[in-house]
C-alpha cells in the first residue's frame, strides 16, 4: 500500500484538474442550494461523484487496490487547497463529490474489517465520524477520555459521552476512542468501530457558530462486538495520533484555499470599486492589506508543503504538521477578515461567501488541536533540542 508520489508536473496537472472540476462542475451545483447548506442533495451530488471518478479525483489517498488513487500527502494537500475553494469548503472539500479520507481500518484493521467497512466507504464516499473529544476536555485525550469500554464475553460494553462530533448524524459508521485501562494512561485507550446507531447510543445536536452542527454522543451500555475493536487493546492512542497528524496537513491546505479564493474576490472588488475619486486598488491601505495577505498565504503554503513532503519521504513530520496547522488556520482567518473589510457591507452580506468563511475559519483554529496545544508541542521540542 505504498503511496504514489507525483512529481511537480503531475502535481500541477492535479491542481489544474481540480480547479477545472470546481469551476465547471462543483460550484454551479453548489449555487443551486441555500447559502448555509452543508450538503448537496443526491440528485446534484451523484453526477459529481461519477465525474470525479472519471477524471481521477476520487478517494485520492485511499490505496488503489481498494478503489482509490493511492497518492501521497502532498498530492492530498494540493487537491485540498483547490477543492476547498467553494462555500462548503470549510466543511468538506468539493462538497463531498470526491470521496473521503482513507478509512482507518485500512491502517490497522483485519481483513474482515477492511472488507466490511473500508472498501464500501471508499466506493460510495460514505461519511465516517471520529469521536475523541469529551466534555472533560478534547486537547489532552490521554487524560481526558473517560468513556469506558468493559469486555464482557464476546463484546465490549461502552458507557460515557463524546462531544463536538461532526457528521455523526449522517455517518454509516464511526470510530470511538474509549478507555480500557487506567485513567491518564496513553496505553489505556482503545478504538472501536460503531456500526450504525446501536441500541443505547443517543445523539443530541449541538449547534455552533458555523453552518453545520456538531453532536453529543451518549453511550448507555452500548454493546460492541469484539470483532469491531480496531487493533488491540491499548493501541487506540497511537492510531488517534497518526490519524490526526496526517489530517492536519490537508486541513491546513483547505484553509489556505478558502483564503486564496477570498483574496481573489477582494482583488477583483478593489479593481472595480470607486471611492473618493479613485478605485480601492489605488489606495495604499488596500494595497498593503492585499500584499500582506498574499505574502502570508505564500508562507503558509510552503510550510504545509514542507510537512507533506516529509511525510511522503518517510521522515518525522509531527512538528511540521503542527506548524502548518497553526500558521494556515491563523493566516486564513486574518486574510478573510481583511477581505471582508475591503468589501465593506457586501462582505457581510449573504450574497457573498465571505461571512460564512469568516465564521467557519474561526473554528478551524480549534479543530484538529487548538493553536495553543500545537505551540506547546513545538516549544517542548525546541527546549529538548529535537525540533
Protein backbone atom coordinates (compact mmCIF):
# COMPACT_ATOMS: atom_id res chain seq x y z
CA UNK A 1 0.00 0.00 0.00
CA UNK A 2 2.93 2.31 -0.68
CA UNK A 3 1.71 5.72 -1.79
CA UNK A 4 2.27 7.13 -5.27
CA UNK A 5 4.39 10.29 -5.05
CA UNK A 6 3.70 12.55 -8.06
CA UNK A 7 6.42 14.79 -9.46
CA UNK A 8 5.96 18.56 -9.78
CA UNK A 9 4.49 18.34 -13.27
CA UNK A 10 1.96 15.74 -12.11
CA UNK A 11 1.08 17.83 -9.06
CA UNK A 12 0.40 20.84 -11.29
CA UNK A 13 -1.79 18.67 -13.50
CA UNK A 14 -3.69 17.60 -10.38
CA UNK A 15 -4.10 21.22 -9.33
CA UNK A 16 -5.44 22.30 -12.72
CA UNK A 17 -7.75 19.28 -12.99
CA UNK A 18 -9.20 20.02 -9.56
CA UNK A 19 -9.54 23.72 -10.38
CA UNK A 20 -11.50 22.98 -13.56
CA UNK A 21 -13.69 20.45 -11.76
CA UNK A 22 -14.53 23.02 -9.09
CA UNK A 23 -15.20 25.78 -11.64
CA UNK A 24 -17.19 23.78 -14.17
CA UNK A 25 -18.98 21.19 -12.05
CA UNK A 26 -18.99 21.75 -8.29
CA UNK A 27 -19.68 25.47 -7.90
CA UNK A 28 -22.59 25.51 -10.39
CA UNK A 29 -24.18 22.68 -8.38
CA UNK A 30 -23.47 24.44 -5.09
CA UNK A 31 -25.12 27.63 -6.36
CA UNK A 32 -28.43 25.74 -6.53
CA UNK A 33 -28.66 25.29 -2.74
CA UNK A 34 -29.06 27.83 0.06
CA UNK A 35 -26.16 29.90 1.37
CA UNK A 36 -25.57 27.93 4.58
CA UNK A 37 -26.21 24.45 3.17
CA UNK A 38 -23.54 21.95 4.05
CA UNK A 39 -24.67 19.03 1.91
CA UNK A 40 -25.79 18.66 -1.68
CA UNK A 41 -28.94 16.67 -2.48
CA UNK A 42 -28.24 13.32 -4.08
CA UNK A 43 -29.57 14.44 -7.47
CA UNK A 44 -26.78 17.04 -7.58
CA UNK A 45 -24.11 15.05 -5.77
CA UNK A 46 -24.25 11.73 -7.64
CA UNK A 47 -23.32 13.15 -11.07
CA UNK A 48 -20.40 14.98 -9.45
CA UNK A 49 -19.18 11.75 -7.85
CA UNK A 50 -19.31 9.99 -11.20
CA UNK A 51 -17.38 12.82 -12.85
CA UNK A 52 -14.73 12.76 -10.10
CA UNK A 53 -14.20 9.04 -10.67
CA UNK A 54 -13.86 9.57 -14.41
CA UNK A 55 -11.15 12.24 -14.07
CA UNK A 56 -9.12 10.57 -11.32
CA UNK A 57 -10.11 12.70 -8.33
CA UNK A 58 -11.97 10.02 -6.40
CA UNK A 59 -10.62 8.92 -2.97
CA UNK A 60 -7.25 10.48 -3.68
CA UNK A 61 -5.30 8.98 -0.73
CA UNK A 62 -7.03 5.63 -0.45
CA UNK A 63 -4.94 2.72 -1.81
CA UNK A 64 -5.51 1.86 -5.45
CA UNK A 65 -6.25 -1.80 -4.61
CA UNK A 66 -9.26 -0.63 -2.62
CA UNK A 67 -10.61 1.76 -5.23
CA UNK A 68 -8.70 4.97 -4.54
CA UNK A 69 -5.90 6.83 -6.32
CA UNK A 70 -3.19 5.82 -3.83
CA UNK A 71 -1.44 9.21 -3.74
CA UNK A 72 0.73 10.72 -1.02
CA UNK A 73 0.12 13.58 1.38
CA UNK A 74 1.48 16.36 -0.82
CA UNK A 75 -0.97 15.43 -3.56
CA UNK A 76 -3.71 15.46 -0.95
CA UNK A 77 -2.67 18.96 0.15
CA UNK A 78 -2.63 20.27 -3.44
CA UNK A 79 -6.06 18.80 -4.00
CA UNK A 80 -7.46 20.07 -0.69
CA UNK A 81 -6.40 23.65 -1.40
CA UNK A 82 -8.25 23.74 -4.71
CA UNK A 83 -11.24 21.63 -3.61
CA UNK A 84 -11.93 23.88 -0.61
CA UNK A 85 -12.49 26.96 -2.77
CA UNK A 86 -16.27 26.83 -2.50
CA UNK A 87 -18.93 27.89 0.01
CA UNK A 88 -18.92 24.47 1.67
CA UNK A 89 -15.15 24.23 1.57
CA UNK A 90 -14.64 24.55 5.32
CA UNK A 91 -16.94 21.57 5.89
CA UNK A 92 -15.95 19.18 3.14
CA UNK A 93 -13.77 19.65 0.03
CA UNK A 94 -15.61 19.70 -3.29
CA UNK A 95 -18.93 19.44 -1.41
CA UNK A 96 -18.25 15.74 -0.81
CA UNK A 97 -18.04 14.91 -4.51
CA UNK A 98 -14.61 13.27 -4.37
CA UNK A 99 -14.98 10.66 -1.64
CA UNK A 100 -13.43 10.68 1.80
CA UNK A 101 -10.11 10.21 3.54
CA UNK A 102 -8.66 6.69 3.73
CA UNK A 103 -10.86 4.84 6.25
CA UNK A 104 -8.94 3.97 9.42
CA UNK A 105 -9.49 0.18 9.14
CA UNK A 106 -7.03 0.23 6.23
CA UNK A 107 -4.26 1.21 8.65
CA UNK A 108 -4.89 -1.22 11.48
CA UNK A 109 -7.92 -3.31 10.57
CA UNK A 110 -8.39 -7.01 9.97
CA UNK A 111 -9.20 -8.31 6.51
CA UNK A 112 -12.85 -8.61 7.57
CA UNK A 113 -12.93 -5.01 8.85
CA UNK A 114 -11.39 -3.71 5.64
CA UNK A 115 -13.93 -5.59 3.52
CA UNK A 116 -16.90 -4.71 5.74
CA UNK A 117 -16.18 -1.06 6.48
CA UNK A 118 -13.29 0.42 4.48
CA UNK A 119 -13.94 -0.76 0.93
CA UNK A 120 -17.67 0.21 0.89
CA UNK A 121 -16.79 3.62 2.40
CA UNK A 122 -14.26 4.23 -0.35
CA UNK A 123 -16.67 3.04 -3.04
CA UNK A 124 -19.53 5.36 -2.16
CA UNK A 125 -17.77 8.13 -0.24
CA UNK A 126 -19.73 7.35 2.91
CA UNK A 127 -19.31 9.73 5.84
CA UNK A 128 -17.48 8.40 8.88
CA UNK A 129 -17.32 10.15 12.25
CA UNK A 130 -14.39 10.17 14.66
CA UNK A 131 -15.27 10.57 18.35
CA UNK A 132 -12.40 11.62 20.61
CA UNK A 133 -13.35 14.80 22.50
CA UNK A 134 -15.39 14.77 25.68
CA UNK A 135 -16.81 17.43 27.97
CA UNK A 136 -13.84 16.82 30.27
CA UNK A 137 -11.50 18.10 27.54
CA UNK A 138 -10.53 17.37 23.97
CA UNK A 139 -6.98 18.65 23.69
CA UNK A 140 -5.48 16.04 26.02
CA UNK A 141 -7.18 12.72 25.19
CA UNK A 142 -4.65 10.69 27.17
CA UNK A 143 -6.04 12.21 30.37
CA UNK A 144 -9.49 13.48 29.42
CA UNK A 145 -11.10 10.36 27.91
CA UNK A 146 -13.50 8.90 30.45
CA UNK A 147 -15.79 6.93 28.18
CA UNK A 148 -15.09 3.37 29.27
CA UNK A 149 -15.27 0.04 27.47
CA UNK A 150 -15.51 -3.15 29.55
CA UNK A 151 -15.03 -6.57 27.97
CA UNK A 152 -17.87 -8.98 28.70
CA UNK A 153 -17.59 -12.25 26.82
CA UNK A 154 -17.71 -11.67 23.05
CA UNK A 155 -18.46 -7.94 23.28
CA UNK A 156 -17.49 -4.69 24.97
CA UNK A 157 -19.94 -2.52 26.88
CA UNK A 158 -19.43 1.22 26.35
CA UNK A 159 -20.57 3.91 28.78
CA UNK A 160 -19.84 7.63 28.63
CA UNK A 161 -20.23 10.52 26.20
CA UNK A 162 -18.46 12.33 23.39
CA UNK A 163 -18.87 15.99 22.46
CA UNK A 164 -18.30 18.22 19.40
CA UNK A 165 -18.52 15.30 16.97
CA UNK A 166 -19.03 16.38 13.33
CA UNK A 167 -21.02 14.29 10.88
CA UNK A 168 -22.31 11.77 13.43
CA UNK A 169 -25.95 12.04 12.37
CA UNK A 170 -25.44 11.02 8.74
CA UNK A 171 -22.46 8.68 9.15
CA UNK A 172 -22.89 4.99 8.39
CA UNK A 173 -20.26 4.12 10.98
CA UNK A 174 -17.65 5.79 13.11
CA UNK A 175 -14.66 5.45 15.40
CA UNK A 176 -14.97 5.85 19.15
CA UNK A 177 -11.93 6.04 21.41
CA UNK A 178 -12.67 4.65 24.86
CA UNK A 179 -10.71 3.76 27.96
CA UNK A 180 -9.94 0.13 28.62
CA UNK A 181 -7.06 0.81 31.02
CA UNK A 182 -6.13 3.22 33.77
CA UNK A 183 -7.15 6.87 33.66
CA UNK A 184 -4.37 9.08 32.32
CA UNK A 185 -2.58 6.19 30.62
CA UNK A 186 -1.96 6.56 26.87
CA UNK A 187 -1.75 2.80 26.65
CA UNK A 188 -5.19 2.50 28.19
CA UNK A 189 -7.14 3.81 25.18
CA UNK A 190 -8.74 1.52 22.59
CA UNK A 191 -10.52 2.26 19.33
CA UNK A 192 -13.88 0.76 18.41
CA UNK A 193 -15.91 0.78 15.20
CA UNK A 194 -19.51 1.77 15.91
CA UNK A 195 -21.72 0.38 13.15
CA UNK A 196 -24.88 2.38 12.53
CA UNK A 197 -26.93 3.51 15.53
CA UNK A 198 -26.77 0.63 18.05
CA UNK A 199 -29.14 0.32 21.00
CA UNK A 200 -28.13 2.64 23.84
CA UNK A 201 -26.50 5.28 21.61
CA UNK A 202 -28.20 8.69 21.75
CA UNK A 203 -27.32 11.74 19.62
CA UNK A 204 -28.01 15.34 20.55
CA UNK A 205 -27.41 18.18 18.12
CA UNK A 206 -25.11 20.92 19.44
CA UNK A 207 -25.29 24.00 17.15
CA UNK A 208 -22.14 26.13 16.88
CA UNK A 209 -21.08 29.33 15.12
CA UNK A 210 -20.53 27.65 11.77
CA UNK A 211 -23.10 26.48 9.22
CA UNK A 212 -23.15 22.81 10.23
CA UNK A 213 -23.79 21.40 13.73
CA UNK A 214 -21.84 19.08 15.95
CA UNK A 215 -23.28 16.31 18.09
CA UNK A 216 -23.03 14.92 21.56
CA UNK A 217 -22.95 11.12 21.61
CA UNK A 218 -24.09 9.35 24.79
CA UNK A 219 -23.31 5.67 25.30
CA UNK A 220 -25.59 3.83 27.74
CA UNK A 221 -24.47 0.20 27.92
CA UNK A 222 -23.81 0.11 24.18
CA UNK A 223 -22.65 -3.34 23.14
CA UNK A 224 -19.84 -3.51 20.59
CA UNK A 225 -18.68 -6.89 19.26
CA UNK A 226 -15.06 -7.80 19.88
CA UNK A 227 -14.59 -8.05 16.12
CA UNK A 228 -15.34 -4.30 15.92
CA UNK A 229 -12.32 -3.42 18.02
CA UNK A 230 -9.81 -1.71 15.72
CA UNK A 231 -6.35 -3.00 16.63
CA UNK A 232 -5.51 -4.40 20.02
CA UNK A 233 -6.44 -3.08 23.40
CA UNK A 234 -4.35 -0.04 24.23
CA UNK A 235 -3.45 0.76 20.60
CA UNK A 236 -6.07 3.49 20.25
CA UNK A 237 -3.96 6.48 21.24
CA UNK A 238 -1.23 5.71 18.71
CA UNK A 239 -3.84 5.30 15.97
CA UNK A 240 -5.58 8.51 17.01
CA UNK A 241 -2.32 10.45 16.89
CA UNK A 242 -1.41 9.09 13.46
CA UNK A 243 -4.81 9.97 12.02
CA UNK A 244 -4.75 13.47 13.48
CA UNK A 245 -1.17 14.31 12.49
CA UNK A 246 -1.74 13.32 8.86
CA UNK A 247 -5.12 15.05 8.73
CA UNK A 248 -3.63 18.37 9.82
CA UNK A 249 -1.83 18.81 6.50
CA UNK A 250 -4.85 18.77 4.12
CA UNK A 251 -6.76 20.60 6.88
CA UNK A 252 -4.20 23.40 6.68
CA UNK A 253 -4.23 23.35 2.87
CA UNK A 254 -8.00 23.64 2.80
CA UNK A 255 -7.86 26.79 4.93
CA UNK A 256 -5.29 28.25 2.55
CA UNK A 257 -7.58 27.51 -0.40
CA UNK A 258 -10.52 29.30 1.19
CA UNK A 259 -8.39 32.34 1.99
CA UNK A 260 -6.91 32.36 -1.52
CA UNK A 261 -10.40 32.40 -3.00
CA UNK A 262 -11.39 35.22 -0.66
CA UNK A 263 -8.29 37.19 -1.66
CA UNK A 264 -9.08 36.88 -5.35
CA UNK A 265 -12.64 38.08 -4.69
CA UNK A 266 -11.23 41.09 -2.81
CA UNK A 267 -8.73 41.88 -5.58
CA UNK A 268 -11.49 41.87 -8.21
CA UNK A 269 -13.66 44.06 -5.99
CA UNK A 270 -10.86 46.54 -5.30
CA UNK A 271 -10.13 46.91 -9.02
CA UNK A 272 -13.71 47.98 -9.77
CA UNK A 273 -14.95 49.74 -6.64
CA UNK A 274 -14.51 53.51 -6.59
CA UNK A 275 -14.40 55.74 -3.51
CA UNK A 276 -13.16 59.32 -3.04
CA UNK A 277 -12.18 59.75 -6.66
CA UNK A 278 -10.24 56.55 -7.32
CA UNK A 279 -10.54 52.77 -7.23
CA UNK A 280 -9.83 50.94 -3.98
CA UNK A 281 -6.87 49.28 -5.71
CA UNK A 282 -5.15 52.67 -5.94
CA UNK A 283 -5.31 53.28 -2.20
CA UNK A 284 -2.23 52.33 -0.21
CA UNK A 285 -4.18 50.96 2.77
CA UNK A 286 -5.94 48.47 0.47
CA UNK A 287 -2.73 47.64 -1.39
CA UNK A 288 -1.00 46.73 1.85
CA UNK A 289 -3.90 44.56 3.00
CA UNK A 290 -3.77 42.69 -0.31
CA UNK A 291 0.03 42.40 -0.31
CA UNK A 292 0.23 41.22 3.31
CA UNK A 293 -2.44 38.61 2.63
CA UNK A 294 -0.60 37.26 -0.40
CA UNK A 295 2.74 37.06 1.40
CA UNK A 296 1.23 35.31 4.40
CA UNK A 297 -0.57 32.77 2.23
CA UNK A 298 2.63 32.01 0.33
CA UNK A 299 4.40 31.32 3.63
CA UNK A 300 1.57 29.12 4.92
CA UNK A 301 1.53 27.16 1.67
CA UNK A 302 5.28 26.49 1.82
CA UNK A 303 5.06 25.30 5.42
CA UNK A 304 2.20 22.97 4.50
CA UNK A 305 4.16 21.60 1.54
CA UNK A 306 7.15 21.03 3.81
CA UNK A 307 5.11 18.90 6.22
CA UNK A 308 3.55 16.93 3.36
CA UNK A 309 6.87 16.24 1.65
CA UNK A 310 8.46 14.99 4.86
CA UNK A 311 5.57 12.61 5.36
CA UNK A 312 5.86 11.31 1.79
CA UNK A 313 9.61 10.84 2.28
CA UNK A 314 9.01 8.74 5.40
CA UNK A 315 10.52 11.36 7.72
CA UNK A 316 9.11 12.54 11.07
CA UNK A 317 6.70 15.41 10.45
CA UNK A 318 4.60 15.81 13.60
CA UNK A 319 6.12 19.20 14.45
CA UNK A 320 5.90 20.38 10.85
CA UNK A 321 2.23 19.36 10.71
CA UNK A 322 1.55 21.33 13.88
CA UNK A 323 3.33 24.39 12.49
CA UNK A 324 1.41 24.17 9.21
CA UNK A 325 -1.89 23.83 11.04
CA UNK A 326 -1.33 26.87 13.25
CA UNK A 327 0.08 29.13 10.54
CA UNK A 328 -2.51 28.17 7.92
CA UNK A 329 -5.58 28.49 10.14
CA UNK A 330 -4.49 31.76 11.73
CA UNK A 331 -3.38 33.21 8.40
CA UNK A 332 -6.63 32.22 6.70
CA UNK A 333 -8.63 33.91 9.45
CA UNK A 334 -6.68 37.15 9.06
CA UNK A 335 -6.92 37.12 5.28
CA UNK A 336 -10.66 36.55 5.18
CA UNK A 337 -11.12 39.26 7.81
CA UNK A 338 -9.18 41.74 5.64
CA UNK A 339 -11.11 40.74 2.54
CA UNK A 340 -14.41 41.19 4.35
CA UNK A 341 -13.24 44.67 5.37
CA UNK A 342 -12.32 45.56 1.80
CA UNK A 343 -15.78 44.61 0.56
CA UNK A 344 -17.44 46.55 3.39
CA UNK A 345 -21.18 45.98 3.59
CA UNK A 346 -21.08 43.44 0.79
CA UNK A 347 -18.52 41.47 2.76
CA UNK A 348 -21.06 40.62 5.46
CA UNK A 349 -23.94 40.09 3.03
CA UNK A 350 -25.09 36.53 2.43
CA UNK A 351 -24.88 37.19 -1.28
CA UNK A 352 -21.16 36.54 -0.81
CA UNK A 353 -19.40 33.55 0.84
CA UNK A 354 -17.05 35.71 2.93
CA UNK A 355 -19.19 35.96 6.07
CA UNK A 356 -19.68 32.18 6.08
CA UNK A 357 -15.97 31.55 5.70
CA UNK A 358 -15.28 34.11 8.44
CA UNK A 359 -17.43 32.12 10.88
CA UNK A 360 -16.19 28.72 9.85
CA UNK A 361 -12.49 29.58 9.79
CA UNK A 362 -12.76 30.72 13.40
CA UNK A 363 -13.46 27.13 14.38
CA UNK A 364 -10.51 25.89 12.33
CA UNK A 365 -8.19 27.36 14.98
CA UNK A 366 -9.76 24.97 17.50
CA UNK A 367 -10.39 21.81 15.46
CA UNK A 368 -7.57 19.28 14.94
CA UNK A 369 -5.99 20.63 18.13
CA UNK A 370 -6.11 24.30 19.16
CA UNK A 371 -3.27 26.63 18.27
CA UNK A 372 -2.04 26.76 21.87
CA UNK A 373 -1.51 22.98 22.02
CA UNK A 374 0.49 22.99 18.80
CA UNK A 375 2.63 25.83 20.12
CA UNK A 376 3.22 23.73 23.22
CA UNK A 377 4.28 20.78 21.05
CA UNK A 378 6.78 22.94 19.19
CA UNK A 379 8.11 24.60 22.36
CA UNK A 380 8.73 21.23 24.02
CA UNK A 381 10.72 20.06 21.01
CA UNK A 382 12.71 23.28 20.95
CA UNK A 383 13.60 23.04 24.65
CA UNK A 384 14.60 19.41 24.19
CA UNK A 385 16.71 20.30 21.16
CA UNK A 386 14.81 17.84 18.98
CA UNK A 387 12.86 20.21 16.71
